Amino acid sequence: MGISLRIFLVDDDDSIKRLPLTRYERLLRGEPEERLLQYAGKRVRYALVVVDLVNRIPVEILRIQYSLLSFDSEGRMDPVEREKKAKLAFELLPPMPMEQDPSQLIDAQHYFAKKRYDNEYRWTPSPEIEKAIMDAIFGKDRL
């Protein structure tokens, strides 16, 4: 038993392309030689899929995250956009309760941050895209 990450980029025509995890990690680290020129200056939909493996064969999808990646003019992950996304992600955390806060006061800032995060950095796949991802993971001939 094991766990694997699969990354799929979704093009404008809704076709999917698997991005090797090692390459994705190099993009995340901002390695200067790693770039995807075809996505230069674009925001690209992607799916990060956590897969359960038995004997290196995918048996179950544990989680799928549908997000957006921003690329700079040279095809690298945009560091400014990544920082904005990270700052907003911290705002998703609920506030720590303070003893001096009045009990009728509700801090809902993290709820609004979640709504903003979902609007700016998440997307919802069509059934066709979901099927293409399933086919890419499990094969087209699965039961």
Foldseek 3Di string as FASTA:
>chain_A
DDKDKWKWWADPVRDIDTDDPVLVVCLVVVPPVRFDQVQAQHKIKMKIWIFDDDVNAGDDTPDIFIWIFGHHNRGGTDPVVVVVLVVLVVLLDADDDDPPDDPVDDDCSNVVSVVVSCVHIGDDDDVVSVVNVVCVRNNPPDD
